[in-house]
C-alpha atoms as a PDB file:
ATOM      1  CA  MET A   1      88.332  98.502 118.191  1.00  0.00           C
ATOM      2  CA  SER A   2      89.472 101.484 116.117  1.00  0.00           C
ATOM      3  CA  LYS A   3      87.503 103.524 113.585  1.00  0.00           C
ATOM      4  CA  PHE A   4      88.808 104.175 110.090  1.00  0.00           C
ATOM      5  CA  VAL A   5      87.424 106.279 107.245  1.00  0.00           C
ATOM      6  CA  ILE A   6      88.703 105.351 103.789  1.00  0.00           C
ATOM      7  CA  ALA A   7      88.402 107.655 100.751  1.00  0.00           C
ATOM      8  CA  CYS A   8      88.877 105.431  97.726  1.00  0.00           C
ATOM      9  CA  GLY A   9      86.473 106.396  94.944  1.00  0.00           C
ATOM     10  CA  GLY A  10      86.739 107.795  91.440  1.00  0.00           C
ATOM     11  CA  THR A  11      88.263 104.836  89.590  1.00  0.00           C
ATOM     12  CA  GLY A  12      88.597 101.121  90.113  1.00  0.00           C
ATOM     13  CA  GLY A  13      92.307 101.681  90.723  1.00  0.00           C
ATOM     14  CA  HIS A  14      91.465 103.658  93.862  1.00  0.00           C
ATOM     15  CA  LEU A  15      88.337 101.804  94.939  1.00  0.00           C
ATOM     16  CA  SER A  16      89.603  98.210  94.762  1.00  0.00           C
ATOM     17  CA  PRO A  17      92.595  98.621  97.114  1.00  0.00           C
ATOM     18  CA  GLY A  18      90.445 100.726  99.448  1.00  0.00           C
ATOM     19  CA  ILE A  19      87.933  97.904  99.702  1.00  0.00           C
ATOM     20  CA  ALA A  20      90.764  95.423 100.267  1.00  0.00           C
ATOM     21  CA  ILE A  21      92.281  97.408 103.144  1.00  0.00           C
ATOM     22  CA  GLY A  22      88.828  97.985 104.607  1.00  0.00           C
ATOM     23  CA  GLN A  23      88.024  94.269 104.471  1.00  0.00           C
ATOM     24  CA  ALA A  24      91.282  93.425 106.248  1.00  0.00           C
ATOM     25  CA  LEU A  25      90.705  96.063 108.942  1.00  0.00           C
ATOM     26  CA  MET A  26      87.144  94.821 109.520  1.00  0.00           C
ATOM     27  CA  GLU A  27      88.380  91.240 109.739  1.00  0.00           C
ATOM     28  CA  ALA A  28      90.726  92.438 112.487  1.00  0.00           C
ATOM     29  CA  GLY A  29      87.723  93.768 114.424  1.00  0.00           C
ATOM     30  CA  ASN A  30      87.741  97.436 113.406  1.00  0.00           C
ATOM     31  CA  ASP A  31      84.939  99.717 112.215  1.00  0.00           C
ATOM     32  CA  VAL A  32      85.306 101.137 108.686  1.00  0.00           C
ATOM     33  CA  VAL A  33      83.430 103.740 106.622  1.00  0.00           C
ATOM     34  CA  PHE A  34      84.115 103.998 102.879  1.00  0.00           C
ATOM     35  CA  VAL A  35      83.921 107.336 101.061  1.00  0.00           C
ATOM     36  CA  ILE A  36      83.304 107.004  97.328  1.00  0.00           C
ATOM     37  CA  SER A  37      82.429 109.364  94.504  1.00  0.00           C
ATOM     38  CA  GLN A  38      79.050 109.768  92.847  1.00  0.00           C
ATOM     39  CA  LYS A  39      80.326 108.197  89.609  1.00  0.00           C
ATOM     40  CA  GLU A  40      78.448 105.206  88.227  1.00  0.00           C
ATOM     41  CA  ILE A  41      81.566 103.046  88.240  1.00  0.00           C
ATOM     42  CA  ASP A  42      81.890 103.418  92.022  1.00  0.00           C
ATOM     43  CA  SER A  43      78.287 102.365  92.568  1.00  0.00           C
ATOM     44  CA  LYS A  44      78.714  99.335  90.293  1.00  0.00           C
ATOM     45  CA  LEU A  45      81.876  98.156  92.005  1.00  0.00           C
ATOM     46  CA  MET A  46      80.336  98.637  95.463  1.00  0.00           C
ATOM     47  CA  ALA A  47      77.012  96.975  94.620  1.00  0.00           C
ATOM     48  CA  LYS A  48      78.202  93.490  95.616  1.00  0.00           C
ATOM     49  CA  TYR A  49      79.391  94.620  99.061  1.00  0.00           C
ATOM     50  CA  ASP A  50      76.123  95.171 100.907  1.00  0.00           C
ATOM     51  CA  ASP A  51      77.862  94.644 104.255  1.00  0.00           C
ATOM     52  CA  LEU A  52      80.059  97.748 103.902  1.00  0.00           C
ATOM     53  CA  ARG A  53      79.209 101.220 105.239  1.00  0.00           C
ATOM     54  CA  VAL A  54      79.392 103.619 102.308  1.00  0.00           C
ATOM     55  CA  VAL A  55      79.159 107.414 102.055  1.00  0.00           C
ATOM     56  CA  LYS A  56      79.023 109.172  98.680  1.00  0.00           C
ATOM     57  CA  THR A  57      80.700 112.542  98.424  1.00  0.00           C
ATOM     58  CA  ALA A  58      80.815 115.383  95.924  1.00  0.00           C
ATOM     59  CA  GLY A  59      83.986 116.184  94.045  1.00  0.00           C
ATOM     60  CA  THR A  60      85.390 116.627  90.557  1.00  0.00           C
ATOM     61  CA  PRO A  61      88.953 116.486  89.194  1.00  0.00           C
ATOM     62  CA  PHE A  62      91.152 119.586  89.081  1.00  0.00           C
ATOM     63  CA  SER A  63      91.242 121.438  85.753  1.00  0.00           C
ATOM     64  CA  LEU A  64      92.580 124.765  84.488  1.00  0.00           C
ATOM     65  CA  SER A  65      89.480 125.220  82.341  1.00  0.00           C
ATOM     66  CA  PRO A  66      87.606 128.184  83.936  1.00  0.00           C
ATOM     67  CA  VAL A  67      84.240 126.399  84.029  1.00  0.00           C
ATOM     68  CA  LYS A  68      85.711 123.133  85.339  1.00  0.00           C
ATOM     69  CA  LEU A  69      87.886 124.991  87.847  1.00  0.00           C
ATOM     70  CA  VAL A  70      84.822 126.702  89.339  1.00  0.00           C
ATOM     71  CA  LYS A  71      83.079 123.326  89.519  1.00  0.00           C
ATOM     72  CA  PHE A  72      86.172 121.792  91.175  1.00  0.00           C
ATOM     73  CA  ILE A  73      86.261 124.514  93.860  1.00  0.00           C
ATOM     74  CA  PHE A  74      82.509 124.269  94.500  1.00  0.00           C
ATOM     75  CA  THR A  75      82.328 120.468  94.731  1.00  0.00           C
ATOM     76  CA  GLN A  76      85.510 120.140  96.794  1.00  0.00           C
ATOM     77  CA  SER A  77      84.213 122.757  99.229  1.00  0.00           C
ATOM     78  CA  ARG A  78      81.027 120.729  99.662  1.00  0.00           C
ATOM     79  CA  ALA A  79      83.094 117.590 100.149  1.00  0.00           C
ATOM     80  CA  LEU A  80      85.274 119.280 102.775  1.00  0.00           C
ATOM     81  CA  ILE A  81      82.222 120.353 104.807  1.00  0.00           C
ATOM     82  CA  GLN A  82      80.757 116.850 104.509  1.00  0.00           C
ATOM     83  CA  MET A  83      84.016 115.226 105.656  1.00  0.00           C
ATOM     84  CA  PHE A  84      84.298 117.578 108.655  1.00  0.00           C
ATOM     85  CA  SER A  85      80.889 116.347 109.747  1.00  0.00           C
ATOM     86  CA  LEU A  86      81.723 112.706 109.080  1.00  0.00           C
ATOM     87  CA  LEU A  87      84.992 112.704 111.034  1.00  0.00           C
ATOM     88  CA  ARG A  88      83.386 114.411 114.031  1.00  0.00           C
ATOM     89  CA  LYS A  89      80.332 112.147 114.001  1.00  0.00           C
ATOM     90  CA  GLU A  90      82.351 108.936 113.673  1.00  0.00           C
ATOM     91  CA  LYS A  91      85.087 110.028 116.106  1.00  0.00           C
ATOM     92  CA  CYS A  92      87.502 108.598 113.575  1.00  0.00           C
ATOM     93  CA  ASP A  93      90.935 107.346 114.703  1.00  0.00           C
ATOM     94  CA  VAL A  94      92.599 107.312 111.256  1.00  0.00           C
ATOM     95  CA  ALA A  95      91.694 108.706 107.823  1.00  0.00           C
ATOM     96  CA  ILE A  96      93.040 106.788 104.805  1.00  0.00           C
ATOM     97  CA  SER A  97      93.129 108.238 101.280  1.00  0.00           C
ATOM     98  CA  PHE A  98      93.942 106.422  98.056  1.00  0.00           C
ATOM     99  CA  GLY A  99      94.449 109.476  95.860  1.00  0.00           C
ATOM    100  CA  GLY A 100      92.246 111.009  93.191  1.00  0.00           C
ATOM    101  CA  PHE A 101      89.717 113.818  93.536  1.00  0.00           C
ATOM    102  CA  THR A 102      87.632 111.894  96.081  1.00  0.00           C
ATOM    103  CA  SER A 103      90.491 111.982  98.586  1.00  0.00           C
ATOM    104  CA  MET A 104      90.862 115.770  98.792  1.00  0.00           C
ATOM    105  CA  GLY A 105      87.955 116.563 101.131  1.00  0.00           C
ATOM    106  CA  LEU A 106      88.719 113.810 103.654  1.00  0.00           C
ATOM    107  CA  SER A 107      92.457 114.512 103.648  1.00  0.00           C
ATOM    108  CA  LEU A 108      92.102 118.243 104.291  1.00  0.00           C
ATOM    109  CA  ALA A 109      89.441 117.706 106.950  1.00  0.00           C
ATOM    110  CA  ALA A 110      91.686 115.177 108.704  1.00  0.00           C
ATOM    111  CA  ALA A 111      94.637 117.577 108.599  1.00  0.00           C
ATOM    112  CA  ILE A 112      92.602 120.437 110.082  1.00  0.00           C
ATOM    113  CA  LEU A 113      91.025 118.256 112.777  1.00  0.00           C
ATOM    114  CA  LYS A 114      94.408 116.618 113.510  1.00  0.00           C
ATOM    115  CA  VAL A 115      93.136 113.139 112.722  1.00  0.00           C
ATOM    116  CA  PRO A 116      96.105 110.960 111.608  1.00  0.00           C
ATOM    117  CA  LEU A 117      96.129 110.879 107.805  1.00  0.00           C
ATOM    118  CA  VAL A 118      97.481 107.913 105.846  1.00  0.00           C
ATOM    119  CA  LEU A 119      97.979 107.973 102.070  1.00  0.00           C
ATOM    120  CA  HIS A 120      98.401 105.016  99.726  1.00  0.00           C
ATOM    121  CA  GLU A 121      99.960 105.384  96.266  1.00  0.00           C
ATOM    122  CA  SER A 122      99.642 102.345  93.984  1.00  0.00           C
ATOM    123  CA  ASN A 123     101.497 103.599  90.901  1.00  0.00           C
ATOM    124  CA  ARG A 124     105.204 103.894  90.211  1.00  0.00           C
ATOM    125  CA  LYS A 125     104.750 107.656  89.750  1.00  0.00           C
ATOM    126  CA  PRO A 126     102.815 109.326  92.600  1.00  0.00           C
ATOM    127  CA  GLY A 127      99.796 111.332  91.485  1.00  0.00           C
ATOM    128  CA  LYS A 128      99.049 114.996  92.162  1.00  0.00           C
ATOM    129  CA  ALA A 129      96.794 114.283  95.138  1.00  0.00           C
ATOM    130  CA  ILE A 130      99.472 112.226  96.868  1.00  0.00           C
ATOM    131  CA  ARG A 131     102.194 114.788  96.143  1.00  0.00           C
ATOM    132  CA  VAL A 132     100.097 117.689  97.461  1.00  0.00           C
ATOM    133  CA  LEU A 133      98.595 115.927 100.470  1.00  0.00           C
ATOM    134  CA  GLY A 134     101.760 114.097 101.517  1.00  0.00           C
ATOM    135  CA  ARG A 135     102.885 117.075 103.601  1.00  0.00           C
ATOM    136  CA  PHE A 136      99.905 116.509 105.940  1.00  0.00           C
ATOM    137  CA  ALA A 137     100.297 112.733 106.229  1.00  0.00           C
ATOM    138  CA  ARG A 138     101.391 110.637 109.164  1.00  0.00           C
ATOM    139  CA  ARG A 139     102.240 107.843 106.741  1.00  0.00           C
ATOM    140  CA  VAL A 140     102.559 107.433 102.961  1.00  0.00           C
ATOM    141  CA  TYR A 141     102.629 103.928 101.484  1.00  0.00           C
ATOM    142  CA  VAL A 142     104.357 103.622  98.102  1.00  0.00           C
ATOM    143  CA  PRO A 143     105.293 100.641  95.886  1.00  0.00           C
ATOM    144  CA  HIS A 144     108.545  98.806  96.513  1.00  0.00           C
ATOM    145  CA  GLY A 145     111.454 100.622  94.903  1.00  0.00           C
ATOM    146  CA  VAL A 146     109.706 104.019  94.760  1.00  0.00           C
ATOM    147  CA  ASN A 147     111.229 106.864  96.743  1.00  0.00           C
ATOM    148  CA  ILE A 148     109.531 110.135  97.731  1.00  0.00           C
ATOM    149  CA  SER A 149     111.457 112.875  99.530  1.00  0.00           C
ATOM    150  CA  ARG A 150     109.631 114.009 102.676  1.00  0.00           C
ATOM    151  CA  GLY A 151     110.838 116.009 105.666  1.00  0.00           C
ATOM    152  CA  LYS A 152     109.711 113.796 108.554  1.00  0.00           C
ATOM    153  CA  SER A 153     111.660 110.588 109.108  1.00  0.00           C
ATOM    154  CA  GLY A 154     109.636 107.372 108.874  1.00  0.00           C
ATOM    155  CA  ILE A 155     106.692 108.857 106.989  1.00  0.00           C
ATOM    156  CA  ILE A 156     107.341 106.765 103.854  1.00  0.00           C
ATOM    157  CA  LYS A 157     106.811 103.013 103.964  1.00  0.00           C
ATOM    158  CA  HIS A 158     107.001 100.552 101.096  1.00  0.00           C
ATOM    159  CA  ALA A 159     103.969  98.335 100.653  1.00  0.00           C
ATOM    160  CA  GLY A 160     102.389  96.110  98.042  1.00  0.00           C
ATOM    161  CA  TYR A 161      99.025  96.574  96.384  1.00  0.00           C
ATOM    162  CA  PRO A 162      96.056  95.601  98.612  1.00  0.00           C
ATOM    163  CA  ILE A 163      93.911  92.993  96.842  1.00  0.00           C
ATOM    164  CA  ARG A 164      90.269  92.248  97.615  1.00  0.00           C
ATOM    165  CA  GLN A 165      89.539  88.967  99.396  1.00  0.00           C
ATOM    166  CA  GLU A 166      87.559  87.493  96.493  1.00  0.00           C
ATOM    167  CA  ILE A 167      90.322  88.028  93.929  1.00  0.00           C
ATOM    168  CA  LYS A 168      91.967  84.622  93.786  1.00  0.00           C
ATOM    169  CA  LYS A 169      92.446  81.907  91.222  1.00  0.00           C
ATOM    170  CA  ILE A 170      89.595  79.415  90.898  1.00  0.00           C
ATOM    171  CA  PRO A 171      89.513  76.166  88.875  1.00  0.00           C
ATOM    172  CA  GLN A 172      89.879  77.100  85.214  1.00  0.00           C
ATOM    173  CA  GLN A 173      87.118  74.788  83.978  1.00  0.00           C
ATOM    174  CA  ALA A 174      84.574  76.296  86.392  1.00  0.00           C
ATOM    175  CA  ALA A 175      85.629  79.789  85.286  1.00  0.00           C
ATOM    176  CA  LYS A 176      85.175  78.870  81.629  1.00  0.00           C
ATOM    177  CA  GLU A 177      81.735  77.419  82.327  1.00  0.00           C
ATOM    178  CA  PHE A 178      80.702  80.658  84.056  1.00  0.00           C
ATOM    179  CA  PHE A 179      81.210  82.591  80.816  1.00  0.00           C
ATOM    180  CA  GLY A 180      79.954  79.831  78.523  1.00  0.00           C
ATOM    181  CA  PHE A 181      83.270  78.788  76.956  1.00  0.00           C
ATOM    182  CA  ASP A 182      84.169  75.193  76.075  1.00  0.00           C
ATOM    183  CA  ALA A 183      86.216  73.357  78.689  1.00  0.00           C
ATOM    184  CA  ASP A 184      89.198  72.981  76.327  1.00  0.00           C
ATOM    185  CA  ALA A 185      89.093  76.548  74.923  1.00  0.00           C
ATOM    186  CA  ASP A 186      92.271  78.647  74.837  1.00  0.00           C
ATOM    187  CA  ILE A 187      91.063  82.054  76.010  1.00  0.00           C
ATOM    188  CA  LEU A 188      92.475  85.546  75.581  1.00  0.00           C
ATOM    189  CA  LEU A 189      91.191  88.133  78.076  1.00  0.00           C
ATOM    190  CA  VAL A 190      91.075  91.723  76.780  1.00  0.00           C
ATOM    191  CA  LEU A 191      90.711  94.146  79.657  1.00  0.00           C
ATOM    192  CA  GLY A 192      90.739  97.944  79.621  1.00  0.00           C
ATOM    193  CA  GLY A 193      90.472  98.479  83.382  1.00  0.00           C
ATOM    194  CA  SER A 194      87.423  99.806  85.215  1.00  0.00           C
ATOM    195  CA  GLN A 195      86.913 102.561  82.605  1.00  0.00           C
ATOM    196  CA  GLY A 196      87.454 100.310  79.582  1.00  0.00           C
ATOM    197  CA  ALA A 197      89.695 101.008  76.581  1.00  0.00           C
ATOM    198  CA  VAL A 198      88.185 101.758  73.169  1.00  0.00           C
ATOM    199  CA  VAL A 199      91.500 101.007  71.451  1.00  0.00           C
ATOM    200  CA  LEU A 200      91.711  97.516  72.951  1.00  0.00           C
ATOM    201  CA  ASN A 201      88.029  96.801  72.286  1.00  0.00           C
ATOM    202  CA  SER A 202      88.486  97.731  68.618  1.00  0.00           C
ATOM    203  CA  TRP A 203      91.670  95.669  68.417  1.00  0.00           C
ATOM    204  CA  ALA A 204      89.836  92.595  69.730  1.00  0.00           C
ATOM    205  CA  GLU A 205      86.963  93.009  67.269  1.00  0.00           C
ATOM    206  CA  THR A 206      89.244  93.620  64.273  1.00  0.00           C
ATOM    207  CA  ASN A 207      91.606  90.739  65.014  1.00  0.00           C
ATOM    208  CA  PHE A 208      89.108  88.129  66.166  1.00  0.00           C
ATOM    209  CA  PRO A 209      88.929  86.401  62.741  1.00  0.00           C
ATOM    210  CA  VAL A 210      92.697  85.717  62.900  1.00  0.00           C
ATOM    211  CA  LEU A 211      92.481  84.724  66.569  1.00  0.00           C
ATOM    212  CA  ALA A 212      89.624  82.312  65.829  1.00  0.00           C
ATOM    213  CA  GLU A 213      91.580  80.879  62.901  1.00  0.00           C
ATOM    214  CA  ASN A 214      94.326  80.179  65.423  1.00  0.00           C
ATOM    215  CA  ASN A 215      91.799  78.467  67.718  1.00  0.00           C
ATOM    216  CA  ILE A 216      91.672  81.242  70.334  1.00  0.00           C
ATOM    217  CA  ASP A 217      88.487  82.390  72.084  1.00  0.00           C
ATOM    218  CA  VAL A 218      88.219  85.942  73.447  1.00  0.00           C
ATOM    219  CA  LEU A 219      86.585  87.514  76.497  1.00  0.00           C
ATOM    220  CA  CYS A 220      86.557  91.303  76.102  1.00  0.00           C
ATOM    221  CA  VAL A 221      85.537  93.504  79.051  1.00  0.00           C
ATOM    222  CA  CYS A 222      84.686  96.726  77.221  1.00  0.00           C
ATOM    223  CA  GLY A 223      83.949  99.147  80.062  1.00  0.00           C
ATOM    224  CA  PRO A 224      80.708 100.917  81.040  1.00  0.00           C
ATOM    225  CA  GLY A 225      79.011 102.482  78.012  1.00  0.00           C
ATOM    226  CA  LYS A 226      81.648 101.177  75.592  1.00  0.00           C
ATOM    227  CA  ASN A 227      80.085  97.868  74.577  1.00  0.00           C
ATOM    228  CA  GLU A 228      78.419  98.328  71.194  1.00  0.00           C
ATOM    229  CA  ARG A 229      79.338  94.938  69.774  1.00  0.00           C
ATOM    230  CA  ALA A 230      77.535  91.611  69.468  1.00  0.00           C
ATOM    231  CA  ASP A 231      79.087  88.288  70.467  1.00  0.00           C
ATOM    232  CA  THR A 232      80.473  86.496  67.414  1.00  0.00           C
ATOM    233  CA  SER A 233      81.431  82.908  66.573  1.00  0.00           C
ATOM    234  CA  LEU A 234      83.814  81.744  63.834  1.00  0.00           C
ATOM    235  CA  PRO A 235      85.321  78.376  62.896  1.00  0.00           C
ATOM    236  CA  GLY A 236      88.952  77.601  63.675  1.00  0.00           C
ATOM    237  CA  THR A 237      91.423  75.332  61.938  1.00  0.00           C
ATOM    238  CA  ASP A 238      90.701  72.690  64.586  1.00  0.00           C
ATOM    239  CA  GLY A 239      87.161  72.259  63.242  1.00  0.00           C
ATOM    240  CA  LYS A 240      85.627  73.853  66.334  1.00  0.00           C
ATOM    241  CA  ILE A 241      83.647  77.071  66.709  1.00  0.00           C
ATOM    242  CA  HIS A 242      85.420  79.848  68.591  1.00  0.00           C
ATOM    243  CA  GLN A 243      83.739  82.791  70.290  1.00  0.00           C
ATOM    244  CA  ILE A 244      84.362  86.396  71.214  1.00  0.00           C
ATOM    245  CA  LYS A 245      82.196  87.520  74.110  1.00  0.00           C
ATOM    246  CA  TYR A 246      81.795  91.198  75.038  1.00  0.00           C
ATOM    247  CA  LEU A 247      80.930  92.384  78.544  1.00  0.00           C
ATOM    248  CA  ASP A 248      79.995  95.925  79.487  1.00  0.00           C
ATOM    249  CA  PHE A 249      81.210  95.322  83.037  1.00  0.00           C
ATOM    250  CA  CYS A 250      82.486  92.304  84.963  1.00  0.00           C
ATOM    251  CA  ASP A 251      81.697  91.885  88.659  1.00  0.00           C
ATOM    252  CA  ASN A 252      83.256  88.399  88.797  1.00  0.00           C
ATOM    253  CA  MET A 253      86.875  89.264  88.060  1.00  0.00           C
ATOM    254  CA  ASN A 254      88.322  86.160  89.701  1.00  0.00           C
ATOM    255  CA  ALA A 255      86.436  84.068  87.093  1.00  0.00           C
ATOM    256  CA  ALA A 256      87.594  86.322  84.237  1.00  0.00           C
ATOM    257  CA  LEU A 257      91.210  86.151  85.410  1.00  0.00           C
ATOM    258  CA  SER A 258      91.029  82.401  86.034  1.00  0.00           C
ATOM    259  CA  CYS A 259      89.467  81.349  82.724  1.00  0.00           C
ATOM    260  CA  ALA A 260      92.151  82.968  80.542  1.00  0.00           C
ATOM    261  CA  HIS A 261      95.545  81.719  79.367  1.00  0.00           C
ATOM    262  CA  LEU A 262      96.770  85.219  78.479  1.00  0.00           C
ATOM    263  CA  ALA A 263      95.560  88.800  78.918  1.00  0.00           C
ATOM    264  CA  VAL A 264      95.900  91.988  76.889  1.00  0.00           C
ATOM    265  CA  ALA A 265      95.295  94.946  79.163  1.00  0.00           C
ATOM    266  CA  ARG A 266      96.045  98.470  80.260  1.00  0.00           C
ATOM    267  CA  ALA A 267      98.721  98.880  82.931  1.00  0.00           C
ATOM    268  CA  GLY A 268      96.909 100.091  86.030  1.00  0.00           C
ATOM    269  CA  ALA A 269      98.564  99.065  89.290  1.00  0.00           C
ATOM    270  CA  GLY A 270      95.470  97.114  90.346  1.00  0.00           C
ATOM    271  CA  THR A 271      95.300  95.174  87.084  1.00  0.00           C
ATOM    272  CA  ILE A 272      98.959  94.189  87.432  1.00  0.00           C
ATOM    273  CA  ALA A 273      98.526  93.081  91.060  1.00  0.00           C
ATOM    274  CA  GLU A 274      95.471  90.979  90.189  1.00  0.00           C
ATOM    275  CA  PHE A 275      97.341  89.301  87.306  1.00  0.00           C
ATOM    276  CA  ALA A 276     100.077  88.402  89.793  1.00  0.00           C
ATOM    277  CA  ARG A 277      97.581  87.092  92.364  1.00  0.00           C
ATOM    278  CA  CYS A 278      95.768  84.891  89.809  1.00  0.00           C
ATOM    279  CA  GLY A 279      98.889  83.827  87.903  1.00  0.00           C
ATOM    280  CA  LEU A 280      97.851  85.259  84.535  1.00  0.00           C
ATOM    281  CA  PRO A 281     100.597  86.124  82.001  1.00  0.00           C
ATOM    282  CA  SER A 282      99.895  89.322  80.114  1.00  0.00           C
ATOM    283  CA  ILE A 283     100.756  91.798  77.405  1.00  0.00           C
ATOM    284  CA  LEU A 284     100.342  95.346  78.679  1.00  0.00           C
ATOM    285  CA  VAL A 285      99.428  98.310  76.476  1.00  0.00           C
ATOM    286  CA  PRO A 286      99.747 101.343  78.784  1.00  0.00           C
ATOM    287  CA  TYR A 287      97.274 104.185  78.377  1.00  0.00           C
ATOM    288  CA  PRO A 288      99.538 106.868  76.860  1.00  0.00           C
ATOM    289  CA  TYR A 289      97.623 109.788  78.381  1.00  0.00           C
ATOM    290  CA  SER A 290      97.578 108.644  82.016  1.00  0.00           C
ATOM    291  CA  ALA A 291      98.658 111.263  84.549  1.00  0.00           C
ATOM    292  CA  ASP A 292     102.462 111.600  84.524  1.00  0.00           C
ATOM    293  CA  ASN A 293     102.464 108.587  82.161  1.00  0.00           C
ATOM    294  CA  HIS A 294     102.323 106.388  85.275  1.00  0.00           C
ATOM    295  CA  GLN A 295     100.939 103.372  83.384  1.00  0.00           C
ATOM    296  CA  LEU A 296     104.086 103.191  81.270  1.00  0.00           C
ATOM    297  CA  GLU A 297     106.213 103.193  84.433  1.00  0.00           C
ATOM    298  CA  ASN A 298     104.014 100.463  85.929  1.00  0.00           C
ATOM    299  CA  ALA A 299     104.403  98.324  82.810  1.00  0.00           C
ATOM    300  CA  LYS A 300     108.175  98.836  82.572  1.00  0.00           C
ATOM    301  CA  CYS A 301     108.653  97.695  86.157  1.00  0.00           C
ATOM    302  CA  PHE A 302     106.393  94.659  85.703  1.00  0.00           C
ATOM    303  CA  GLU A 303     108.245  93.692  82.514  1.00  0.00           C
ATOM    304  CA  LYS A 304     111.589  93.885  84.367  1.00  0.00           C
ATOM    305  CA  GLN A 305     110.112  91.530  86.964  1.00  0.00           C
ATOM    306  CA  GLY A 306     109.350  89.041  84.179  1.00  0.00           C
ATOM    307  CA  GLY A 307     105.572  89.171  84.533  1.00  0.00           C
ATOM    308  CA  THR A 308     104.525  90.705  81.224  1.00  0.00           C
ATOM    309  CA  VAL A 309     105.436  91.889  77.731  1.00  0.00           C
ATOM    310  CA  LEU A 310     105.152  95.631  77.065  1.00  0.00           C
ATOM    311  CA  VAL A 311     103.627  96.928  73.816  1.00  0.00           C
ATOM    312  CA  ARG A 312     103.225 100.691  73.537  1.00  0.00           C
ATOM    313  CA  GLN A 313     100.005 101.935  71.965  1.00  0.00           C
ATOM    314  CA  PRO A 314     101.749 103.471  68.901  1.00  0.00           C
ATOM    315  CA  ASP A 315     103.138  99.965  68.247  1.00  0.00           C
ATOM    316  CA  ILE A 316      99.796  98.201  68.583  1.00  0.00           C
ATOM    317  CA  GLY A 317     100.266  96.780  65.085  1.00  0.00           C
ATOM    318  CA  THR A 318     102.707  94.305  66.655  1.00  0.00           C
ATOM    319  CA  LEU A 319     100.229  93.169  69.306  1.00  0.00           C
ATOM    320  CA  LEU A 320      98.611  90.369  67.286  1.00  0.00           C
ATOM    321  CA  GLY A 321     101.981  88.753  66.604  1.00  0.00           C
ATOM    322  CA  GLU A 322     102.883  88.942  70.287  1.00  0.00           C
ATOM    323  CA  VAL A 323      99.567  87.362  71.289  1.00  0.00           C
ATOM    324  CA  LEU A 324      99.870  84.476  68.813  1.00  0.00           C
ATOM    325  CA  SER A 325     103.484  83.859  69.822  1.00  0.00           C
ATOM    326  CA  MET A 326     102.731  83.804  73.557  1.00  0.00           C
ATOM    327  CA  MET A 327      99.611  81.665  73.224  1.00  0.00           C
ATOM    328  CA  LYS A 328     101.714  79.022  71.467  1.00  0.00           C
ATOM    329  CA  ASN A 329     104.647  79.262  73.884  1.00  0.00           C
ATOM    330  CA  GLU A 330     103.633  77.305  76.970  1.00  0.00           C
ATOM    331  CA  ASN A 331     107.177  77.308  78.351  1.00  0.00           C
ATOM    332  CA  LEU A 332     107.288  81.120  78.337  1.00  0.00           C
ATOM    333  CA  ARG A 333     103.929  81.325  80.116  1.00  0.00           C
ATOM    334  CA  ARG A 334     105.113  78.793  82.688  1.00  0.00           C
ATOM    335  CA  THR A 335     108.241  80.898  83.353  1.00  0.00           C
ATOM    336  CA  MET A 336     106.060  84.003  83.679  1.00  0.00           C
ATOM    337  CA  LEU A 337     103.894  82.187  86.195  1.00  0.00           C
ATOM    338  CA  LYS A 338     106.886  81.624  88.483  1.00  0.00           C
ATOM    339  CA  ASN A 339     107.767  85.315  88.194  1.00  0.00           C
ATOM    340  CA  LEU A 340     104.172  86.281  88.989  1.00  0.00           C
ATOM    341  CA  GLU A 341     104.282  84.232  92.190  1.00  0.00           C
ATOM    342  CA  ARG A 342     107.356  86.204  93.268  1.00  0.00           C
ATOM    343  CA  VAL A 343     105.676  89.536  92.467  1.00  0.00           C
ATOM    344  CA  ASP A 344     102.528  88.513  94.347  1.00  0.00           C
ATOM    345  CA  SER A 345     104.558  87.730  97.473  1.00  0.00           C
ATOM    346  CA  LEU A 346     105.169  91.497  97.818  1.00  0.00           C
ATOM    347  CA  ASN A 347     101.440  92.207  98.140  1.00  0.00           C
ATOM    348  CA  ASP A 348     101.170  91.364 101.834  1.00  0.00           C
ATOM    349  CA  MET A 349      98.470  93.402 103.579  1.00  0.00           C
ATOM    350  CA  GLY A 350      99.340  92.093 107.002  1.00  0.00           C
ATOM    351  CA  LYS A 351     102.116  94.648 107.527  1.00  0.00           C
ATOM    352  CA  ILE A 352      99.849  97.513 106.436  1.00  0.00           C
ATOM    353  CA  VAL A 353      97.087  96.487 108.848  1.00  0.00           C
ATOM    354  CA  GLU A 354      99.632  96.139 111.655  1.00  0.00           C
ATOM    355  CA  ASP A 355     100.997  99.622 110.937  1.00  0.00           C
ATOM    356  CA  LEU A 356      97.523 101.158 110.702  1.00  0.00           C
ATOM    357  CA  THR A 357      96.624  99.613 114.048  1.00  0.00           C
ATOM    358  CA  PHE A 358      99.762 101.138 115.556  1.00  0.00           C
ATOM    359  CA  ILE A 359      98.848 104.585 114.182  1.00  0.00           C
ATOM    360  CA  ALA A 360      95.289 104.320 115.514  1.00  0.00           C
ATOM    361  CA  ASN A 361      96.616 103.484 118.977  1.00  0.00           C
ATOM    362  CA  ASN A 362      99.362 106.146 118.850  1.00  0.00           C
ATOM    363  CA  PRO A 363      97.720 109.172 117.230  1.00  0.00           C
ATOM    364  CA  ARG A 364     100.551 111.613 118.039  1.00  0.00           C
END
């Protein structure tokens, strides 16, 4: 048995793949400790996993603002001291970081203590944490087709996106019943990622009358603190009542992904991987202010693979037409489904677990 410490907090895009890798390592008989941030979103996502060992750490994102920079230095220093103690206490064999501000303390502590450090980058454009910390890493996993120049041979390996065990397609009727939709409802899922997206929430509310008129129900996951709307029902041309349901947070994502016929969403790497796993065609509206515009790169790649349609946020006025067209085009969605199966085949965690086991048993 080997011991792993995984830093994966800060956003759902870091936490979800960290949980997935941890679950796979535990299933293989290893001991795992998860390091998450003190943000509410981390606590909410972790709440359903009462069998996991979790440590919360200090830390804030880097900023050039004088006040925020002082806070960054102070909190990261606290995190570094905490991670020194954790690695020594646990006698950790491998430290794994998924990027973001939560990864800094563990990564630096591992480098200083000469604990093998492994980094995982989910996006098409590596973030600052990965770029800075890569020089200390024994291994850096990046998406297929992404290349990072590093001095040591063999440090870069291509890997898919780790997906949690519970994220899988379930019978659509059971998923609809879970959220209170009719068994024959055509459902649009609007999803802004773990943080939510005000623009997409507003779009769903504004356009629901037209969607209902076209006999489409809507499930909108607004994001923590961004749900200020009441569920609404309107008649459609089919004589039935159609609903828009708003959720502040969804801890049953396999049901949300399984009940829908189409999704409108941001373009986080985790969202894309889960659409592929559950066979859900989508229209992606990348967050235009993401670091290094990585969401746009994610969406472009996914569109080339035939799994989505890309609509940039400045062109959101075209989104309704795209939704109505795709909801009526069953042949297009069926073709997308085949493409999604091909994309999902790349997300094989078995090779990652095998490589991590090798690193744990060969620390130098």
